[in-house]
């Protein structure tokens, strides 16, 4: 039973990695998620390079976006954006408790977005 569970976890991880596509920014993923229900990618280009440099890591920032609610405005939805970057070394900030050495970091937030690439005109 344990072996089956581990095989399933490995398979799911591989499938998710294969679905990720390179993007220069988050907007194409937002549009895809609003249109198709979800989108998965990783940052490349100038934004990706700047994040790697800032956090002293060789790993790309991975982004997963899922639709979580319909909005009254046609073509607009509420989405949950989750980003993850492995091997992050935080810049030193006086007075801030920090982890020594590399650490995996995630950030999750919700936002409203429309399939035409804009924000909704009205708040729900």
PDB file of N, CA and C in Angstrom:
ATOM      1  N   UNK A   1       0.821  -1.194   0.000  1.00  0.00           N
ATOM      2  CA  UNK A   1       0.000   0.000   0.000  1.00  0.00           C
ATOM      3  C   UNK A   1       0.867   1.261   0.000  1.00  0.00           C
ATOM      4  N   UNK A   2       1.904   1.283   0.833  1.00  0.00           N
ATOM      5  CA  UNK A   2       2.792   2.427   0.916  1.00  0.00           C
ATOM      6  C   UNK A   2       3.510   2.646  -0.415  1.00  0.00           C
ATOM      7  N   UNK A   3       3.926   1.555  -1.050  1.00  0.00           N
ATOM      8  CA  UNK A   3       4.624   1.660  -2.333  1.00  0.00           C
ATOM      9  C   UNK A   3       3.696   2.255  -3.390  1.00  0.00           C
ATOM     10  N   UNK A   4       2.429   1.846  -3.411  1.00  0.00           N
ATOM     11  CA  UNK A   4       1.469   2.404  -4.363  1.00  0.00           C
ATOM     12  C   UNK A   4       1.309   3.904  -4.148  1.00  0.00           C
ATOM     13  N   UNK A   5       1.223   4.320  -2.891  1.00  0.00           N
ATOM     14  CA  UNK A   5       1.071   5.747  -2.577  1.00  0.00           C
ATOM     15  C   UNK A   5       2.286   6.528  -3.048  1.00  0.00           C
ATOM     16  N   UNK A   6       3.485   6.001  -2.838  1.00  0.00           N
ATOM     17  CA  UNK A   6       4.702   6.689  -3.272  1.00  0.00           C
ATOM     18  C   UNK A   6       4.778   6.780  -4.791  1.00  0.00           C
ATOM     19  N   UNK A   7       4.381   5.721  -5.474  1.00  0.00           N
ATOM     20  CA  UNK A   7       4.378   5.733  -6.935  1.00  0.00           C
ATOM     21  C   UNK A   7       3.394   6.793  -7.446  1.00  0.00           C
ATOM     22  N   UNK A   8       2.224   6.872  -6.823  1.00  0.00           N
ATOM     23  CA  UNK A   8       1.226   7.859  -7.220  1.00  0.00           C
ATOM     24  C   UNK A   8       1.755   9.274  -7.004  1.00  0.00           C
ATOM     25  N   UNK A   9       2.388   9.528  -5.878  1.00  0.00           N
ATOM     26  CA  UNK A   9       2.947  10.848  -5.585  1.00  0.00           C
ATOM     27  C   UNK A   9       4.003  11.210  -6.627  1.00  0.00           C
ATOM     28  N   UNK A  10       4.876  10.284  -6.954  1.00  0.00           N
ATOM     29  CA  UNK A  10       5.917  10.540  -7.966  1.00  0.00           C
ATOM     30  C   UNK A  10       5.298  10.836  -9.320  1.00  0.00           C
ATOM     31  N   UNK A  11       4.257  10.079  -9.691  1.00  0.00           N
ATOM     32  CA  UNK A  11       3.593  10.281 -10.970  1.00  0.00           C
ATOM     33  C   UNK A  11       2.947  11.660 -11.032  1.00  0.00           C
ATOM     34  N   UNK A  12       2.214  12.033  -9.970  1.00  0.00           N
ATOM     35  CA  UNK A  12       1.551  13.330  -9.936  1.00  0.00           C
ATOM     36  C   UNK A  12       2.581  14.449 -10.015  1.00  0.00           C
ATOM     37  N   UNK A  13       3.694  14.337  -9.290  1.00  0.00           N
ATOM     38  CA  UNK A  13       4.740  15.357  -9.332  1.00  0.00           C
ATOM     39  C   UNK A  13       5.307  15.498 -10.735  1.00  0.00           C
ATOM     40  N   UNK A  14       5.525  14.386 -11.411  1.00  0.00           N
ATOM     41  CA  UNK A  14       6.068  14.411 -12.765  1.00  0.00           C
ATOM     42  C   UNK A  14       5.083  15.061 -13.725  1.00  0.00           C
ATOM     43  N   UNK A  15       3.800  14.740 -13.590  1.00  0.00           N
ATOM     44  CA  UNK A  15       2.794  15.316 -14.471  1.00  0.00           C
ATOM     45  C   UNK A  15       2.744  16.821 -14.273  1.00  0.00           C
ATOM     46  N   UNK A  16       2.748  17.289 -13.022  1.00  0.00           N
ATOM     47  CA  UNK A  16       2.696  18.720 -12.767  1.00  0.00           C
ATOM     48  C   UNK A  16       3.914  19.421 -13.354  1.00  0.00           C
ATOM     49  N   UNK A  17       5.073  18.836 -13.207  1.00  0.00           N
ATOM     50  CA  UNK A  17       6.282  19.455 -13.751  1.00  0.00           C
ATOM     51  C   UNK A  17       6.196  19.544 -15.273  1.00  0.00           C
ATOM     52  N   UNK A  18       5.638  18.521 -15.917  1.00  0.00           N
ATOM     53  CA  UNK A  18       5.526  18.507 -17.370  1.00  0.00           C
ATOM     54  C   UNK A  18       4.525  19.554 -17.855  1.00  0.00           C
ATOM     55  N   UNK A  19       3.512  19.917 -17.043  1.00  0.00           N
ATOM     56  CA  UNK A  19       2.498  20.886 -17.434  1.00  0.00           C
ATOM     57  C   UNK A  19       2.983  22.322 -17.314  1.00  0.00           C
ATOM     58  N   UNK A  20       4.031  22.555 -16.568  1.00  0.00           N
ATOM     59  CA  UNK A  20       4.541  23.922 -16.382  1.00  0.00           C
ATOM     60  C   UNK A  20       5.138  24.438 -17.681  1.00  0.00           C
ATOM     61  N   UNK A  21       4.853  25.685 -17.957  1.00  0.00           N
ATOM     62  CA  UNK A  21       5.437  26.285 -19.156  1.00  0.00           C
ATOM     63  C   UNK A  21       6.185  27.556 -18.769  1.00  0.00           C
ATOM     64  N   UNK A  22       7.204  27.910 -19.517  1.00  0.00           N
ATOM     65  CA  UNK A  22       7.957  29.123 -19.209  1.00  0.00           C
ATOM     66  C   UNK A  22       7.148  30.366 -19.582  1.00  0.00           C
ATOM     67  N   UNK A  23       7.162  31.368 -18.700  1.00  0.00           N
ATOM     68  CA  UNK A  23       6.480  32.640 -18.954  1.00  0.00           C
ATOM     69  C   UNK A  23       7.376  33.791 -18.504  1.00  0.00           C
ATOM     70  N   UNK A  24       7.264  34.927 -19.210  1.00  0.00           N
ATOM     71  CA  UNK A  24       8.032  36.122 -18.857  1.00  0.00           C
ATOM     72  C   UNK A  24       7.361  36.926 -17.753  1.00  0.00           C
ATOM     73  N   UNK A  25       6.090  36.647 -17.497  1.00  0.00           N
ATOM     74  CA  UNK A  25       5.322  37.351 -16.479  1.00  0.00           C
ATOM     75  C   UNK A  25       4.100  36.534 -16.113  1.00  0.00           C
ATOM     76  N   UNK A  26       3.360  36.993 -15.135  1.00  0.00           N
ATOM     77  CA  UNK A  26       2.232  36.217 -14.612  1.00  0.00           C
ATOM     78  C   UNK A  26       0.955  36.372 -15.454  1.00  0.00           C
ATOM     79  N   UNK A  27       0.839  37.447 -16.228  1.00  0.00           N
ATOM     80  CA  UNK A  27      -0.399  37.741 -16.944  1.00  0.00           C
ATOM     81  C   UNK A  27      -0.875  36.611 -17.870  1.00  0.00           C
ATOM     82  N   UNK A  28      -0.010  35.987 -18.675  1.00  0.00           N
ATOM     83  CA  UNK A  28      -0.498  34.884 -19.526  1.00  0.00           C
ATOM     84  C   UNK A  28      -1.100  33.728 -18.708  1.00  0.00           C
ATOM     85  N   UNK A  29      -0.528  33.473 -17.526  1.00  0.00           N
ATOM     86  CA  UNK A  29      -1.067  32.411 -16.675  1.00  0.00           C
ATOM     87  C   UNK A  29      -2.413  32.805 -16.084  1.00  0.00           C
ATOM     88  N   UNK A  30      -2.579  34.080 -15.730  1.00  0.00           N
ATOM     89  CA  UNK A  30      -3.864  34.560 -15.214  1.00  0.00           C
ATOM     90  C   UNK A  30      -4.960  34.393 -16.257  1.00  0.00           C
ATOM     91  N   UNK A  31      -4.663  34.787 -17.495  1.00  0.00           N
ATOM     92  CA  UNK A  31      -5.645  34.659 -18.575  1.00  0.00           C
ATOM     93  C   UNK A  31      -5.986  33.189 -18.811  1.00  0.00           C
ATOM     94  N   UNK A  32      -4.982  32.333 -18.844  1.00  0.00           N
ATOM     95  CA  UNK A  32      -5.215  30.897 -19.051  1.00  0.00           C
ATOM     96  C   UNK A  32      -6.062  30.301 -17.934  1.00  0.00           C
ATOM     97  N   UNK A  33      -5.789  30.694 -16.689  1.00  0.00           N
ATOM     98  CA  UNK A  33      -6.545  30.160 -15.550  1.00  0.00           C
ATOM     99  C   UNK A  33      -8.004  30.611 -15.597  1.00  0.00           C
ATOM    100  N   UNK A  34      -8.240  31.863 -15.950  1.00  0.00           N
ATOM    101  CA  UNK A  34      -9.619  32.362 -16.037  1.00  0.00           C
ATOM    102  C   UNK A  34     -10.364  31.633 -17.155  1.00  0.00           C
ATOM    103  N   UNK A  35      -9.673  31.354 -18.243  1.00  0.00           N
ATOM    104  CA  UNK A  35     -10.290  30.686 -19.395  1.00  0.00           C
ATOM    105  C   UNK A  35     -10.463  29.179 -19.175  1.00  0.00           C
ATOM    106  N   UNK A  36      -9.443  28.508 -18.617  1.00  0.00           N
ATOM    107  CA  UNK A  36      -9.430  27.045 -18.524  1.00  0.00           C
ATOM    108  C   UNK A  36      -9.565  26.481 -17.109  1.00  0.00           C
ATOM    109  N   UNK A  37      -9.615  27.332 -16.104  1.00  0.00           N
ATOM    110  CA  UNK A  37      -9.768  26.851 -14.729  1.00  0.00           C
ATOM    111  C   UNK A  37      -8.468  26.729 -13.955  1.00  0.00           C
ATOM    112  N   UNK A  38      -7.349  26.605 -14.665  1.00  0.00           N
ATOM    113  CA  UNK A  38      -6.051  26.515 -13.991  1.00  0.00           C
ATOM    114  C   UNK A  38      -4.933  26.761 -14.995  1.00  0.00           C
ATOM    115  N   UNK A  39      -3.757  27.108 -14.446  1.00  0.00           N
ATOM    116  CA  UNK A  39      -2.568  27.313 -15.275  1.00  0.00           C
ATOM    117  C   UNK A  39      -1.336  27.100 -14.402  1.00  0.00           C
ATOM    118  N   UNK A  40      -0.250  26.616 -15.031  1.00  0.00           N
ATOM    119  CA  UNK A  40       0.983  26.306 -14.304  1.00  0.00           C
ATOM    120  C   UNK A  40       2.177  26.772 -15.130  1.00  0.00           C
ATOM    121  N   UNK A  41       3.101  27.462 -14.487  1.00  0.00           N
ATOM    122  CA  UNK A  41       4.258  27.931 -15.214  1.00  0.00           C
ATOM    123  C   UNK A  41       5.426  28.223 -14.300  1.00  0.00           C
ATOM    124  N   UNK A  42       6.494  28.717 -14.910  1.00  0.00           N
ATOM    125  CA  UNK A  42       7.654  29.161 -14.144  1.00  0.00           C
ATOM    126  C   UNK A  42       8.230  30.381 -14.847  1.00  0.00           C
ATOM    127  N   UNK A  43       8.722  31.319 -14.027  1.00  0.00           N
ATOM    128  CA  UNK A  43       9.216  32.581 -14.569  1.00  0.00           C
ATOM    129  C   UNK A  43      10.581  32.432 -15.227  1.00  0.00           C
ATOM    130  N   UNK A  44      10.700  33.017 -16.420  1.00  0.00           N
ATOM    131  CA  UNK A  44      11.966  33.085 -17.157  1.00  0.00           C
ATOM    132  C   UNK A  44      12.181  34.548 -17.552  1.00  0.00           C
ATOM    133  N   UNK A  45      13.183  34.787 -18.342  1.00  0.00           N
ATOM    134  CA  UNK A  45      13.431  36.135 -18.811  1.00  0.00           C
ATOM    135  C   UNK A  45      13.948  37.042 -17.709  1.00  0.00           C
ATOM    136  N   UNK A  46      13.732  38.342 -17.896  1.00  0.00           N
ATOM    137  CA  UNK A  46      14.254  39.338 -16.967  1.00  0.00           C
ATOM    138  C   UNK A  46      13.697  39.158 -15.554  1.00  0.00           C
ATOM    139  N   UNK A  47      12.390  38.925 -15.434  1.00  0.00           N
ATOM    140  CA  UNK A  47      11.778  38.754 -14.103  1.00  0.00           C
ATOM    141  C   UNK A  47      12.326  37.520 -13.405  1.00  0.00           C
ATOM    142  N   UNK A  48      12.411  36.411 -14.126  1.00  0.00           N
ATOM    143  CA  UNK A  48      12.946  35.180 -13.548  1.00  0.00           C
ATOM    144  C   UNK A  48      14.389  35.334 -13.116  1.00  0.00           C
ATOM    145  N   UNK A  49      15.199  35.990 -13.945  1.00  0.00           N
ATOM    146  CA  UNK A  49      16.610  36.195 -13.620  1.00  0.00           C
ATOM    147  C   UNK A  49      16.766  37.089 -12.395  1.00  0.00           C
ATOM    148  N   UNK A  50      15.942  38.140 -12.301  1.00  0.00           N
ATOM    149  CA  UNK A  50      16.035  39.066 -11.163  1.00  0.00           C
ATOM    150  C   UNK A  50      15.674  38.358  -9.858  1.00  0.00           C
ATOM    151  N   UNK A  51      14.652  37.511  -9.878  1.00  0.00           N
ATOM    152  CA  UNK A  51      14.280  36.767  -8.668  1.00  0.00           C
ATOM    153  C   UNK A  51      15.380  35.799  -8.253  1.00  0.00           C
ATOM    154  N   UNK A  52      15.963  35.106  -9.218  1.00  0.00           N
ATOM    155  CA  UNK A  52      17.068  34.188  -8.904  1.00  0.00           C
ATOM    156  C   UNK A  52      18.242  34.944  -8.296  1.00  0.00           C
ATOM    157  N   UNK A  53      18.551  36.100  -8.870  1.00  0.00           N
ATOM    158  CA  UNK A  53      19.661  36.907  -8.367  1.00  0.00           C
ATOM    159  C   UNK A  53      19.361  37.437  -6.963  1.00  0.00           C
ATOM    160  N   UNK A  54      18.165  37.974  -6.768  1.00  0.00           N
ATOM    161  CA  UNK A  54      17.785  38.557  -5.481  1.00  0.00           C
ATOM    162  C   UNK A  54      17.827  37.532  -4.366  1.00  0.00           C
ATOM    163  N   UNK A  55      17.337  36.329  -4.647  1.00  0.00           N
ATOM    164  CA  UNK A  55      17.236  35.298  -3.609  1.00  0.00           C
ATOM    165  C   UNK A  55      18.350  34.259  -3.679  1.00  0.00           C
ATOM    166  N   UNK A  56      19.370  34.523  -4.479  1.00  0.00           N
ATOM    167  CA  UNK A  56      20.565  33.675  -4.561  1.00  0.00           C
ATOM    168  C   UNK A  56      20.218  32.187  -4.715  1.00  0.00           C
ATOM    169  N   UNK A  57      19.407  31.902  -5.718  1.00  0.00           N
ATOM    170  CA  UNK A  57      18.998  30.526  -5.984  1.00  0.00           C
ATOM    171  C   UNK A  57      19.138  30.219  -7.475  1.00  0.00           C
ATOM    172  N   UNK A  58      19.291  28.946  -7.790  1.00  0.00           N
ATOM    173  CA  UNK A  58      19.337  28.507  -9.183  1.00  0.00           C
ATOM    174  C   UNK A  58      17.971  28.008  -9.660  1.00  0.00           C
ATOM    175  N   UNK A  59      16.996  27.970  -8.750  1.00  0.00           N
ATOM    176  CA  UNK A  59      15.680  27.427  -9.074  1.00  0.00           C
ATOM    177  C   UNK A  59      14.732  28.519  -9.566  1.00  0.00           C
ATOM    178  N   UNK A  60      13.889  28.207 -10.553  1.00  0.00           N
ATOM    179  CA  UNK A  60      12.926  29.197 -11.028  1.00  0.00           C
ATOM    180  C   UNK A  60      11.752  29.350 -10.059  1.00  0.00           C
ATOM    181  N   UNK A  61      11.077  30.486 -10.133  1.00  0.00           N
ATOM    182  CA  UNK A  61       9.850  30.651  -9.368  1.00  0.00           C
ATOM    183  C   UNK A  61       8.744  29.918 -10.119  1.00  0.00           C
ATOM    184  N   UNK A  62       8.106  28.965  -9.443  1.00  0.00           N
ATOM    185  CA  UNK A  62       6.995  28.210 -10.022  1.00  0.00           C
ATOM    186  C   UNK A  62       5.691  28.893  -9.627  1.00  0.00           C
ATOM    187  N   UNK A  63       4.741  28.939 -10.561  1.00  0.00           N
ATOM    188  CA  UNK A  63       3.470  29.614 -10.319  1.00  0.00           C
ATOM    189  C   UNK A  63       2.333  28.678 -10.698  1.00  0.00           C
ATOM    190  N   UNK A  64       1.374  28.524  -9.776  1.00  0.00           N
ATOM    191  CA  UNK A  64       0.158  27.742 -10.014  1.00  0.00           C
ATOM    192  C   UNK A  64      -1.039  28.645  -9.746  1.00  0.00           C
ATOM    193  N   UNK A  65      -1.966  28.690 -10.701  1.00  0.00           N
ATOM    194  CA  UNK A  65      -3.155  29.533 -10.565  1.00  0.00           C
ATOM    195  C   UNK A  65      -4.388  28.681 -10.818  1.00  0.00           C
ATOM    196  N   UNK A  66      -5.363  28.795  -9.904  1.00  0.00           N
ATOM    197  CA  UNK A  66      -6.620  28.046 -10.008  1.00  0.00           C
ATOM    198  C   UNK A  66      -7.803  28.997  -9.843  1.00  0.00           C
ATOM    199  N   UNK A  67      -8.850  28.773 -10.615  1.00  0.00           N
ATOM    200  CA  UNK A  67     -10.076  29.535 -10.456  1.00  0.00           C
ATOM    201  C   UNK A  67     -10.765  29.076  -9.174  1.00  0.00           C
ATOM    202  N   UNK A  68     -11.212  30.033  -8.347  1.00  0.00           N
ATOM    203  CA  UNK A  68     -11.892  29.648  -7.103  1.00  0.00           C
ATOM    204  C   UNK A  68     -13.325  30.151  -7.018  1.00  0.00           C
ATOM    205  N   UNK A  69     -13.722  31.118  -7.883  1.00  0.00           N
ATOM    206  CA  UNK A  69     -15.102  31.610  -7.849  1.00  0.00           C
ATOM    207  C   UNK A  69     -15.437  32.370  -9.132  1.00  0.00           C
ATOM    208  N   UNK A  70     -16.691  32.308  -9.496  1.00  0.00           N
ATOM    209  CA  UNK A  70     -17.209  33.110 -10.607  1.00  0.00           C
ATOM    210  C   UNK A  70     -17.491  34.513 -10.073  1.00  0.00           C
ATOM    211  N   UNK A  71     -17.357  35.518 -10.922  1.00  0.00           N
ATOM    212  CA  UNK A  71     -17.698  36.885 -10.557  1.00  0.00           C
ATOM    213  C   UNK A  71     -18.883  37.341 -11.395  1.00  0.00           C
ATOM    214  N   UNK A  72     -19.625  38.343 -10.926  1.00  0.00           N
ATOM    215  CA  UNK A  72     -20.798  38.806 -11.681  1.00  0.00           C
ATOM    216  C   UNK A  72     -20.462  39.320 -13.077  1.00  0.00           C
ATOM    217  N   UNK A  73     -19.299  39.942 -13.245  1.00  0.00           N
ATOM    218  CA  UNK A  73     -18.917  40.486 -14.547  1.00  0.00           C
ATOM    219  C   UNK A  73     -18.533  39.347 -15.503  1.00  0.00           C
ATOM    220  N   UNK A  74     -19.096  39.352 -16.693  1.00  0.00           N
ATOM    221  CA  UNK A  74     -18.837  38.303 -17.678  1.00  0.00           C
ATOM    222  C   UNK A  74     -17.343  38.193 -17.984  1.00  0.00           C
ATOM    223  N   UNK A  75     -16.845  36.954 -18.007  1.00  0.00           N
ATOM    224  CA  UNK A  75     -15.453  36.701 -18.343  1.00  0.00           C
ATOM    225  C   UNK A  75     -14.473  36.950 -17.212  1.00  0.00           C
ATOM    226  N   UNK A  76     -14.982  37.223 -15.999  1.00  0.00           N
ATOM    227  CA  UNK A  76     -14.109  37.517 -14.862  1.00  0.00           C
ATOM    228  C   UNK A  76     -14.288  36.478 -13.758  1.00  0.00           C
ATOM    229  N   UNK A  77     -13.192  36.153 -13.087  1.00  0.00           N
ATOM    230  CA  UNK A  77     -13.228  35.151 -12.018  1.00  0.00           C
ATOM    231  C   UNK A  77     -12.276  35.540 -10.893  1.00  0.00           C
ATOM    232  N   UNK A  78     -12.500  34.927  -9.755  1.00  0.00           N
ATOM    233  CA  UNK A  78     -11.562  35.053  -8.644  1.00  0.00           C
ATOM    234  C   UNK A  78     -10.608  33.875  -8.765  1.00  0.00           C
ATOM    235  N   UNK A  79      -9.311  34.155  -8.668  1.00  0.00           N
ATOM    236  CA  UNK A  79      -8.295  33.106  -8.803  1.00  0.00           C
ATOM    237  C   UNK A  79      -7.398  33.091  -7.575  1.00  0.00           C
ATOM    238  N   UNK A  80      -6.830  31.939  -7.303  1.00  0.00           N
ATOM    239  CA  UNK A  80      -5.826  31.788  -6.243  1.00  0.00           C
ATOM    240  C   UNK A  80      -4.479  31.577  -6.914  1.00  0.00           C
ATOM    241  N   UNK A  81      -3.538  32.440  -6.584  1.00  0.00           N
ATOM    242  CA  UNK A  81      -2.192  32.401  -7.139  1.00  0.00           C
ATOM    243  C   UNK A  81      -1.248  31.868  -6.067  1.00  0.00           C
ATOM    244  N   UNK A  82      -0.538  30.801  -6.378  1.00  0.00           N
ATOM    245  CA  UNK A  82       0.447  30.236  -5.453  1.00  0.00           C
ATOM    246  C   UNK A  82       1.796  30.206  -6.154  1.00  0.00           C
ATOM    247  N   UNK A  83       2.782  30.836  -5.535  1.00  0.00           N
ATOM    248  CA  UNK A  83       4.127  30.808  -6.111  1.00  0.00           C
ATOM    249  C   UNK A  83       5.062  30.109  -5.131  1.00  0.00           C
ATOM    250  N   UNK A  84       6.057  29.431  -5.692  1.00  0.00           N
ATOM    251  CA  UNK A  84       7.030  28.711  -4.869  1.00  0.00           C
ATOM    252  C   UNK A  84       8.398  28.859  -5.508  1.00  0.00           C
ATOM    253  N   UNK A  85       9.391  29.072  -4.652  1.00  0.00           N
ATOM    254  CA  UNK A  85      10.762  29.092  -5.139  1.00  0.00           C
ATOM    255  C   UNK A  85      11.621  28.325  -4.139  1.00  0.00           C
ATOM    256  N   UNK A  86      12.384  27.375  -4.649  1.00  0.00           N
ATOM    257  CA  UNK A  86      13.246  26.547  -3.797  1.00  0.00           C
ATOM    258  C   UNK A  86      14.609  27.197  -3.630  1.00  0.00           C
ATOM    259  N   UNK A  87      15.278  26.852  -2.533  1.00  0.00           N
ATOM    260  CA  UNK A  87      16.658  27.275  -2.320  1.00  0.00           C
ATOM    261  C   UNK A  87      16.851  28.762  -2.107  1.00  0.00           C
ATOM    262  N   UNK A  88      15.846  29.444  -1.573  1.00  0.00           N
ATOM    263  CA  UNK A  88      15.907  30.894  -1.380  1.00  0.00           C
ATOM    264  C   UNK A  88      16.810  31.248  -0.194  1.00  0.00           C
ATOM    265  N   UNK A  89      17.662  32.220  -0.418  1.00  0.00           N
ATOM    266  CA  UNK A  89      18.459  32.819   0.660  1.00  0.00           C
ATOM    267  C   UNK A  89      17.952  34.255   0.780  1.00  0.00           C
ATOM    268  N   UNK A  90      17.287  34.548   1.891  1.00  0.00           N
ATOM    269  CA  UNK A  90      16.692  35.874   2.058  1.00  0.00           C
ATOM    270  C   UNK A  90      17.762  36.945   2.257  1.00  0.00           C
ATOM    271  N   UNK A  91      17.541  38.113   1.661  1.00  0.00           N
ATOM    272  CA  UNK A  91      18.448  39.229   1.932  1.00  0.00           C
ATOM    273  C   UNK A  91      18.368  39.577   3.424  1.00  0.00           C
ATOM    274  N   UNK A  92      19.483  39.969   3.996  1.00  0.00           N
ATOM    275  CA  UNK A  92      19.518  40.316   5.419  1.00  0.00           C
ATOM    276  C   UNK A  92      18.750  41.617   5.656  1.00  0.00           C
ATOM    277  N   UNK A  93      17.814  41.568   6.622  1.00  0.00           N
ATOM    278  CA  UNK A  93      17.029  42.740   7.004  1.00  0.00           C
ATOM    279  C   UNK A  93      17.127  42.882   8.515  1.00  0.00           C
ATOM    280  N   UNK A  94      17.610  44.006   8.961  1.00  0.00           N
ATOM    281  CA  UNK A  94      17.806  44.239  10.387  1.00  0.00           C
ATOM    282  C   UNK A  94      16.467  44.136  11.122  1.00  0.00           C
ATOM    283  N   UNK A  95      16.472  43.372  12.221  1.00  0.00           N
ATOM    284  CA  UNK A  95      15.281  43.214  13.046  1.00  0.00           C
ATOM    285  C   UNK A  95      14.316  42.139  12.583  1.00  0.00           C
ATOM    286  N   UNK A  96      14.596  41.495  11.452  1.00  0.00           N
ATOM    287  CA  UNK A  96      13.713  40.455  10.919  1.00  0.00           C
ATOM    288  C   UNK A  96      14.320  39.088  11.193  1.00  0.00           C
ATOM    289  N   UNK A  97      13.536  38.213  11.824  1.00  0.00           N
ATOM    290  CA  UNK A  97      14.007  36.853  12.086  1.00  0.00           C
ATOM    291  C   UNK A  97      14.075  36.106  10.757  1.00  0.00           C
ATOM    292  N   UNK A  98      15.229  35.491  10.497  1.00  0.00           N
ATOM    293  CA  UNK A  98      15.420  34.810   9.224  1.00  0.00           C
ATOM    294  C   UNK A  98      16.005  33.419   9.429  1.00  0.00           C
ATOM    295  N   UNK A  99      15.783  32.580   8.436  1.00  0.00           N
ATOM    296  CA  UNK A  99      16.330  31.235   8.429  1.00  0.00           C
ATOM    297  C   UNK A  99      17.764  31.319   7.917  1.00  0.00           C
ATOM    298  N   UNK A 100      18.672  30.620   8.578  1.00  0.00           N
ATOM    299  CA  UNK A 100      20.050  30.561   8.082  1.00  0.00           C
ATOM    300  C   UNK A 100      20.121  29.564   6.935  1.00  0.00           C
ATOM    301  N   UNK A 101      20.675  29.986   5.821  1.00  0.00           N
ATOM    302  CA  UNK A 101      20.839  29.094   4.681  1.00  0.00           C
ATOM    303  C   UNK A 101      19.624  29.069   3.779  1.00  0.00           C
ATOM    304  N   UNK A 102      19.707  28.295   2.700  1.00  0.00           N
ATOM    305  CA  UNK A 102      18.601  28.216   1.733  1.00  0.00           C
ATOM    306  C   UNK A 102      17.349  27.584   2.330  1.00  0.00           C
ATOM    307  N   UNK A 103      16.193  28.049   1.856  1.00  0.00           N
ATOM    308  CA  UNK A 103      14.914  27.546   2.331  1.00  0.00           C
ATOM    309  C   UNK A 103      13.900  27.670   1.187  1.00  0.00           C
ATOM    310  N   UNK A 104      12.902  26.813   1.163  1.00  0.00           N
ATOM    311  CA  UNK A 104      11.841  26.918   0.171  1.00  0.00           C
ATOM    312  C   UNK A 104      10.815  27.935   0.657  1.00  0.00           C
ATOM    313  N   UNK A 105      10.378  28.820  -0.237  1.00  0.00           N
ATOM    314  CA  UNK A 105       9.429  29.867   0.115  1.00  0.00           C
ATOM    315  C   UNK A 105       8.199  29.782  -0.774  1.00  0.00           C
ATOM    316  N   UNK A 106       7.047  30.015  -0.178  1.00  0.00           N
ATOM    317  CA  UNK A 106       5.801  30.060  -0.934  1.00  0.00           C
ATOM    318  C   UNK A 106       5.024  31.320  -0.584  1.00  0.00           C
ATOM    319  N   UNK A 107       4.221  31.764  -1.522  1.00  0.00           N
ATOM    320  CA  UNK A 107       3.326  32.892  -1.294  1.00  0.00           C
ATOM    321  C   UNK A 107       2.008  32.566  -1.999  1.00  0.00           C
ATOM    322  N   UNK A 108       0.903  32.777  -1.292  1.00  0.00           N
ATOM    323  CA  UNK A 108      -0.416  32.498  -1.854  1.00  0.00           C
ATOM    324  C   UNK A 108      -1.293  33.732  -1.663  1.00  0.00           C
ATOM    325  N   UNK A 109      -1.978  34.123  -2.728  1.00  0.00           N
ATOM    326  CA  UNK A 109      -2.919  35.236  -2.612  1.00  0.00           C
ATOM    327  C   UNK A 109      -4.052  35.039  -3.613  1.00  0.00           C
ATOM    328  N   UNK A 110      -5.183  35.685  -3.350  1.00  0.00           N
ATOM    329  CA  UNK A 110      -6.349  35.639  -4.219  1.00  0.00           C
ATOM    330  C   UNK A 110      -6.526  36.997  -4.881  1.00  0.00           C
ATOM    331  N   UNK A 111      -7.046  36.972  -6.103  1.00  0.00           N
ATOM    332  CA  UNK A 111      -7.312  38.214  -6.813  1.00  0.00           C
ATOM    333  C   UNK A 111      -8.401  38.000  -7.853  1.00  0.00           C
ATOM    334  N   UNK A 112      -8.984  39.087  -8.319  1.00  0.00           N
ATOM    335  CA  UNK A 112      -9.985  39.042  -9.374  1.00  0.00           C
ATOM    336  C   UNK A 112      -9.311  39.415 -10.694  1.00  0.00           C
ATOM    337  N   UNK A 113      -9.680  38.678 -11.768  1.00  0.00           N
ATOM    338  CA  UNK A 113      -9.061  38.926 -13.065  1.00  0.00           C
ATOM    339  C   UNK A 113     -10.023  38.506 -14.167  1.00  0.00           C
ATOM    340  N   UNK A 114      -9.872  39.128 -15.348  1.00  0.00           N
ATOM    341  CA  UNK A 114     -10.759  38.845 -16.479  1.00  0.00           C
ATOM    342  C   UNK A 114      -9.990  38.224 -17.638  1.00  0.00           C
ATOM    343  N   UNK A 115     -10.714  37.472 -18.462  1.00  0.00           N
ATOM    344  CA  UNK A 115     -10.078  36.741 -19.563  1.00  0.00           C
ATOM    345  C   UNK A 115      -9.497  37.661 -20.638  1.00  0.00           C
ATOM    346  N   UNK A 116      -9.899  38.932 -20.649  1.00  0.00           N
ATOM    347  CA  UNK A 116      -9.334  39.875 -21.627  1.00  0.00           C
ATOM    348  C   UNK A 116      -8.037  40.512 -21.121  1.00  0.00           C
ATOM    349  N   UNK A 117      -7.572  40.085 -19.935  1.00  0.00           N
ATOM    350  CA  UNK A 117      -6.317  40.597 -19.392  1.00  0.00           C
ATOM    351  C   UNK A 117      -6.471  41.818 -18.507  1.00  0.00           C
ATOM    352  N   UNK A 118      -7.711  42.157 -18.172  1.00  0.00           N
ATOM    353  CA  UNK A 118      -7.952  43.336 -17.327  1.00  0.00           C
ATOM    354  C   UNK A 118      -8.473  42.900 -15.955  1.00  0.00           C
ATOM    355  N   UNK A 119      -8.615  43.873 -15.092  1.00  0.00           N
ATOM    356  CA  UNK A 119      -9.253  43.643 -13.798  1.00  0.00           C
ATOM    357  C   UNK A 119     -10.741  43.967 -13.945  1.00  0.00           C
ATOM    358  N   UNK A 120     -11.598  43.345 -13.124  1.00  0.00           N
ATOM    359  CA  UNK A 120     -13.040  43.660 -13.209  1.00  0.00           C
ATOM    360  C   UNK A 120     -13.287  45.152 -12.972  1.00  0.00           C
ATOM    361  N   UNK A 121     -14.318  45.672 -13.650  1.00  0.00           N
ATOM    362  CA  UNK A 121     -14.644  47.082 -13.491  1.00  0.00           C
ATOM    363  C   UNK A 121     -15.360  47.351 -12.177  1.00  0.00           C
ATOM    364  N   UNK A 122     -16.075  46.336 -11.669  1.00  0.00           N
ATOM    365  CA  UNK A 122     -16.805  46.487 -10.415  1.00  0.00           C
ATOM    366  C   UNK A 122     -16.316  45.467  -9.406  1.00  0.00           C
ATOM    367  N   UNK A 123     -16.248  45.898  -8.153  1.00  0.00           N
ATOM    368  CA  UNK A 123     -15.884  44.958  -7.070  1.00  0.00           C
ATOM    369  C   UNK A 123     -17.117  44.165  -6.693  1.00  0.00           C
ATOM    370  N   UNK A 124     -16.958  42.854  -6.415  1.00  0.00           N
ATOM    371  CA  UNK A 124     -18.130  42.034  -6.054  1.00  0.00           C
ATOM    372  C   UNK A 124     -18.679  42.410  -4.690  1.00  0.00           C
TER     373      UNK A 124
END
